[in-house]
Amino acid sequence: AARADTPYAWVFNVEDKEPAIREVEIERNIYKLLFNAGNRVFMSGSLGFQNVAAYLMLKEFEVRDLTAVLEAVRYDFDRRKVDLILIRSLEE
């Protein structure tokens, strides 16, 4: 309740499910938050170390998404639900 009025409330606003699934959703939401922050820094246009760090962070998230897609194919996960496990949405 105390976190409901913060800009980060959506990170922890997951449905009550099994603890393991809830943990995965919170972790994914944290990665999405970091992805959006890194994208803002990278697209700011200012030159500096922060842009290099943001670029590397964005690339790490791309690798995580590629790994998730490959594992989904490997383990015959429902391909219509792959978007649910990605950091960056397929529609972006």
N, C-alpha and C. Protein backbone atom coordinates (compact mmCIF):
# COMPACT_ATOMS: atom_id res chain seq x y z
N ALA A 1 0.82 -1.19 0.00
CA ALA A 1 0.00 0.00 0.00
C ALA A 1 0.86 1.25 0.00
N ALA A 2 1.95 1.24 0.74
CA ALA A 2 2.81 2.42 0.80
C ALA A 2 3.50 2.68 -0.54
N ARG A 3 3.71 1.66 -1.33
CA ARG A 3 4.40 1.84 -2.60
C ARG A 3 3.44 2.15 -3.75
N ALA A 4 2.13 2.17 -3.48
CA ALA A 4 1.13 2.35 -4.54
C ALA A 4 1.19 3.73 -5.17
N ASP A 5 1.70 4.73 -4.47
CA ASP A 5 1.74 6.08 -5.02
C ASP A 5 3.11 6.45 -5.58
N THR A 6 3.95 5.48 -5.84
CA THR A 6 5.26 5.75 -6.42
C THR A 6 5.26 5.42 -7.91
N PRO A 7 6.22 5.96 -8.65
CA PRO A 7 6.29 5.63 -10.08
C PRO A 7 6.71 4.19 -10.35
N TYR A 8 7.11 3.48 -9.31
CA TYR A 8 7.58 2.10 -9.46
C TYR A 8 6.54 1.08 -9.03
N ALA A 9 5.34 1.51 -8.75
CA ALA A 9 4.30 0.60 -8.26
C ALA A 9 4.03 -0.53 -9.25
N TRP A 10 4.08 -0.23 -10.54
CA TRP A 10 3.78 -1.25 -11.56
C TRP A 10 4.77 -2.41 -11.52
N VAL A 11 5.98 -2.16 -11.03
CA VAL A 11 7.00 -3.22 -10.97
C VAL A 11 6.54 -4.35 -10.04
N PHE A 12 5.91 -3.97 -8.95
CA PHE A 12 5.51 -4.96 -7.95
C PHE A 12 4.04 -5.32 -8.04
N ASN A 13 3.33 -4.73 -8.96
CA ASN A 13 1.90 -4.98 -9.11
C ASN A 13 1.69 -6.21 -9.99
N VAL A 14 1.91 -7.37 -9.41
CA VAL A 14 1.70 -8.63 -10.12
C VAL A 14 0.57 -9.37 -9.42
N GLU A 15 -0.13 -10.14 -10.21
CA GLU A 15 -1.25 -10.90 -9.65
C GLU A 15 -0.74 -11.94 -8.66
N ASP A 16 -1.58 -12.25 -7.71
CA ASP A 16 -1.21 -13.28 -6.73
C ASP A 16 -1.23 -14.64 -7.40
N LYS A 17 -0.05 -15.15 -7.63
CA LYS A 17 0.12 -16.46 -8.25
C LYS A 17 1.07 -17.26 -7.37
N GLU A 18 1.57 -18.32 -7.93
CA GLU A 18 2.58 -19.09 -7.21
C GLU A 18 3.77 -18.17 -6.94
N PRO A 19 4.44 -18.35 -5.80
CA PRO A 19 5.58 -17.48 -5.49
C PRO A 19 6.67 -17.48 -6.56
N ALA A 20 6.93 -18.63 -7.18
CA ALA A 20 7.97 -18.70 -8.20
C ALA A 20 7.59 -17.88 -9.43
N ILE A 21 6.34 -17.96 -9.85
CA ILE A 21 5.89 -17.20 -11.02
C ILE A 21 5.87 -15.71 -10.69
N ARG A 22 5.42 -15.37 -9.49
CA ARG A 22 5.39 -13.97 -9.06
C ARG A 22 6.80 -13.39 -9.05
N GLU A 23 7.75 -14.17 -8.58
CA GLU A 23 9.15 -13.72 -8.54
C GLU A 23 9.68 -13.46 -9.94
N VAL A 24 9.35 -14.33 -10.89
CA VAL A 24 9.79 -14.16 -12.27
C VAL A 24 9.18 -12.89 -12.87
N GLU A 25 7.90 -12.64 -12.58
CA GLU A 25 7.25 -11.44 -13.11
C GLU A 25 7.87 -10.17 -12.53
N ILE A 26 8.16 -10.18 -11.25
CA ILE A 26 8.79 -9.00 -10.63
C ILE A 26 10.17 -8.78 -11.22
N GLU A 27 10.93 -9.86 -11.40
CA GLU A 27 12.27 -9.74 -11.99
C GLU A 27 12.18 -9.17 -13.40
N ARG A 28 11.23 -9.67 -14.20
CA ARG A 28 11.05 -9.15 -15.56
C ARG A 28 10.67 -7.68 -15.54
N ASN A 29 9.80 -7.29 -14.61
CA ASN A 29 9.40 -5.88 -14.52
C ASN A 29 10.58 -4.99 -14.12
N ILE A 30 11.44 -5.48 -13.24
CA ILE A 30 12.63 -4.71 -12.87
C ILE A 30 13.53 -4.54 -14.09
N TYR A 31 13.69 -5.61 -14.87
CA TYR A 31 14.50 -5.50 -16.10
C TYR A 31 13.87 -4.52 -17.08
N LYS A 32 12.55 -4.51 -17.18
CA LYS A 32 11.88 -3.54 -18.06
C LYS A 32 12.13 -2.11 -17.58
N LEU A 33 12.07 -1.91 -16.27
CA LEU A 33 12.34 -0.59 -15.71
C LEU A 33 13.77 -0.16 -16.04
N LEU A 34 14.73 -1.06 -15.86
CA LEU A 34 16.12 -0.74 -16.18
C LEU A 34 16.32 -0.53 -17.67
N PHE A 35 15.62 -1.32 -18.50
CA PHE A 35 15.70 -1.14 -19.95
C PHE A 35 15.21 0.25 -20.34
N ASN A 36 14.07 0.65 -19.80
CA ASN A 36 13.53 1.97 -20.13
C ASN A 36 14.46 3.09 -19.67
N ALA A 37 15.04 2.95 -18.48
CA ALA A 37 15.97 3.95 -17.97
C ALA A 37 17.22 4.01 -18.84
N GLY A 38 17.75 2.85 -19.18
CA GLY A 38 18.93 2.81 -20.04
C GLY A 38 18.66 3.38 -21.41
N ASN A 39 17.49 3.11 -21.94
CA ASN A 39 17.12 3.64 -23.25
C ASN A 39 17.02 5.16 -23.22
N ARG A 40 16.46 5.70 -22.15
CA ARG A 40 16.37 7.17 -22.01
C ARG A 40 17.76 7.79 -21.96
N VAL A 41 18.67 7.18 -21.19
CA VAL A 41 20.03 7.70 -21.09
C VAL A 41 20.72 7.62 -22.44
N PHE A 42 20.60 6.48 -23.10
CA PHE A 42 21.28 6.29 -24.38
C PHE A 42 20.75 7.25 -25.44
N MET A 43 19.44 7.47 -25.45
CA MET A 43 18.84 8.34 -26.46
C MET A 43 18.95 9.83 -26.12
N SER A 44 19.49 10.16 -24.96
CA SER A 44 19.59 11.56 -24.55
C SER A 44 20.53 12.35 -25.45
N GLY A 45 21.47 11.68 -26.08
CA GLY A 45 22.35 12.35 -27.01
C GLY A 45 23.61 12.91 -26.38
N SER A 46 23.68 12.95 -25.07
CA SER A 46 24.90 13.46 -24.44
C SER A 46 25.99 12.40 -24.52
N LEU A 47 27.21 12.87 -24.70
CA LEU A 47 28.34 11.95 -24.79
C LEU A 47 28.97 11.78 -23.43
N GLY A 48 29.32 10.58 -23.12
CA GLY A 48 29.97 10.31 -21.84
C GLY A 48 29.90 8.85 -21.49
N PHE A 49 30.46 8.55 -20.33
CA PHE A 49 30.50 7.16 -19.87
C PHE A 49 29.10 6.59 -19.69
N GLN A 50 28.15 7.44 -19.28
CA GLN A 50 26.79 6.95 -19.05
C GLN A 50 26.18 6.36 -20.32
N ASN A 51 26.53 6.91 -21.49
CA ASN A 51 26.02 6.36 -22.74
C ASN A 51 26.62 4.99 -23.05
N VAL A 52 27.89 4.84 -22.75
CA VAL A 52 28.54 3.54 -22.96
C VAL A 52 27.92 2.50 -22.03
N ALA A 53 27.73 2.86 -20.76
CA ALA A 53 27.13 1.94 -19.80
C ALA A 53 25.70 1.60 -20.20
N ALA A 54 24.94 2.60 -20.65
CA ALA A 54 23.55 2.36 -21.07
C ALA A 54 23.52 1.45 -22.30
N TYR A 55 24.42 1.68 -23.25
CA TYR A 55 24.47 0.85 -24.46
C TYR A 55 24.76 -0.61 -24.09
N LEU A 56 25.74 -0.82 -23.21
CA LEU A 56 26.08 -2.18 -22.81
C LEU A 56 24.93 -2.84 -22.06
N MET A 57 24.24 -2.07 -21.24
CA MET A 57 23.09 -2.61 -20.52
C MET A 57 21.98 -3.01 -21.50
N LEU A 58 21.72 -2.17 -22.51
CA LEU A 58 20.70 -2.49 -23.51
C LEU A 58 21.06 -3.75 -24.29
N LYS A 59 22.34 -3.89 -24.61
CA LYS A 59 22.78 -5.10 -25.32
C LYS A 59 22.62 -6.34 -24.45
N GLU A 60 22.88 -6.20 -23.15
CA GLU A 60 22.70 -7.33 -22.24
C GLU A 60 21.24 -7.77 -22.23
N PHE A 61 20.32 -6.81 -22.23
CA PHE A 61 18.90 -7.15 -22.24
C PHE A 61 18.49 -7.79 -23.56
N GLU A 62 19.09 -7.37 -24.67
CA GLU A 62 18.81 -8.03 -25.95
C GLU A 62 19.26 -9.48 -25.92
N VAL A 63 20.43 -9.73 -25.34
CA VAL A 63 20.93 -11.10 -25.23
C VAL A 63 20.01 -11.94 -24.35
N ARG A 64 19.52 -11.36 -23.25
CA ARG A 64 18.58 -12.08 -22.38
C ARG A 64 17.30 -12.44 -23.14
N ASP A 65 16.81 -11.49 -23.95
CA ASP A 65 15.60 -11.77 -24.73
C ASP A 65 15.85 -12.85 -25.78
N LEU A 66 16.99 -12.78 -26.44
CA LEU A 66 17.31 -13.81 -27.44
C LEU A 66 17.42 -15.17 -26.78
N THR A 67 18.03 -15.23 -25.62
CA THR A 67 18.14 -16.49 -24.89
C THR A 67 16.75 -17.01 -24.51
N ALA A 68 15.87 -16.10 -24.08
CA ALA A 68 14.51 -16.51 -23.72
C ALA A 68 13.76 -17.07 -24.92
N VAL A 69 13.92 -16.44 -26.08
CA VAL A 69 13.26 -16.94 -27.29
C VAL A 69 13.81 -18.31 -27.67
N LEU A 70 15.12 -18.46 -27.63
CA LEU A 70 15.73 -19.75 -27.98
C LEU A 70 15.28 -20.85 -27.01
N GLU A 71 15.22 -20.53 -25.73
CA GLU A 71 14.75 -21.53 -24.77
C GLU A 71 13.27 -21.84 -24.97
N ALA A 72 12.49 -20.85 -25.34
CA ALA A 72 11.06 -21.09 -25.59
C ALA A 72 10.88 -22.04 -26.76
N VAL A 73 11.68 -21.87 -27.79
CA VAL A 73 11.61 -22.77 -28.95
C VAL A 73 12.12 -24.16 -28.55
N ARG A 74 13.23 -24.17 -27.84
CA ARG A 74 13.83 -25.44 -27.45
C ARG A 74 12.90 -26.29 -26.60
N TYR A 75 12.20 -25.65 -25.66
CA TYR A 75 11.34 -26.38 -24.74
C TYR A 75 9.88 -26.37 -25.18
N ASP A 76 9.64 -25.99 -26.42
CA ASP A 76 8.31 -26.02 -27.03
C ASP A 76 7.28 -25.22 -26.22
N PHE A 77 7.70 -24.03 -25.81
CA PHE A 77 6.82 -23.11 -25.09
C PHE A 77 5.81 -22.53 -26.08
N ASP A 78 4.62 -22.24 -25.61
CA ASP A 78 3.58 -21.67 -26.47
C ASP A 78 4.10 -20.35 -27.06
N ARG A 79 4.28 -20.33 -28.37
CA ARG A 79 4.91 -19.17 -29.02
C ARG A 79 4.06 -17.91 -28.95
N ARG A 80 2.76 -18.06 -28.73
CA ARG A 80 1.91 -16.88 -28.59
C ARG A 80 2.13 -16.19 -27.25
N LYS A 81 2.74 -16.89 -26.30
CA LYS A 81 2.97 -16.33 -24.97
C LYS A 81 4.42 -15.92 -24.74
N VAL A 82 5.25 -16.02 -25.76
CA VAL A 82 6.66 -15.67 -25.61
C VAL A 82 6.82 -14.21 -25.21
N ASP A 83 5.96 -13.35 -25.70
CA ASP A 83 6.05 -11.93 -25.38
C ASP A 83 5.94 -11.68 -23.87
N LEU A 84 5.32 -12.59 -23.15
CA LEU A 84 5.15 -12.42 -21.71
C LEU A 84 6.45 -12.57 -20.94
N ILE A 85 7.43 -13.25 -21.52
CA ILE A 85 8.69 -13.48 -20.82
C ILE A 85 9.81 -12.58 -21.29
N LEU A 86 9.53 -11.73 -22.27
CA LEU A 86 10.57 -10.86 -22.81
C LEU A 86 10.66 -9.55 -22.04
N ILE A 87 11.85 -9.00 -22.01
CA ILE A 87 12.07 -7.69 -21.40
C ILE A 87 11.54 -6.61 -22.33
N ARG A 88 11.89 -6.71 -23.58
CA ARG A 88 11.43 -5.76 -24.58
C ARG A 88 10.28 -6.41 -25.35
N SER A 89 9.17 -5.73 -25.40
CA SER A 89 7.98 -6.29 -26.06
C SER A 89 8.22 -6.47 -27.55
N LEU A 90 7.54 -7.45 -28.13
CA LEU A 90 7.67 -7.68 -29.58
C LEU A 90 7.08 -6.54 -30.40
N GLU A 91 6.19 -5.78 -29.81
CA GLU A 91 5.55 -4.68 -30.54
C GLU A 91 6.40 -3.43 -30.60
N GLU A 92 7.50 -3.38 -29.86
CA GLU A 92 8.36 -2.18 -29.87
C GLU A 92 9.23 -2.15 -31.09
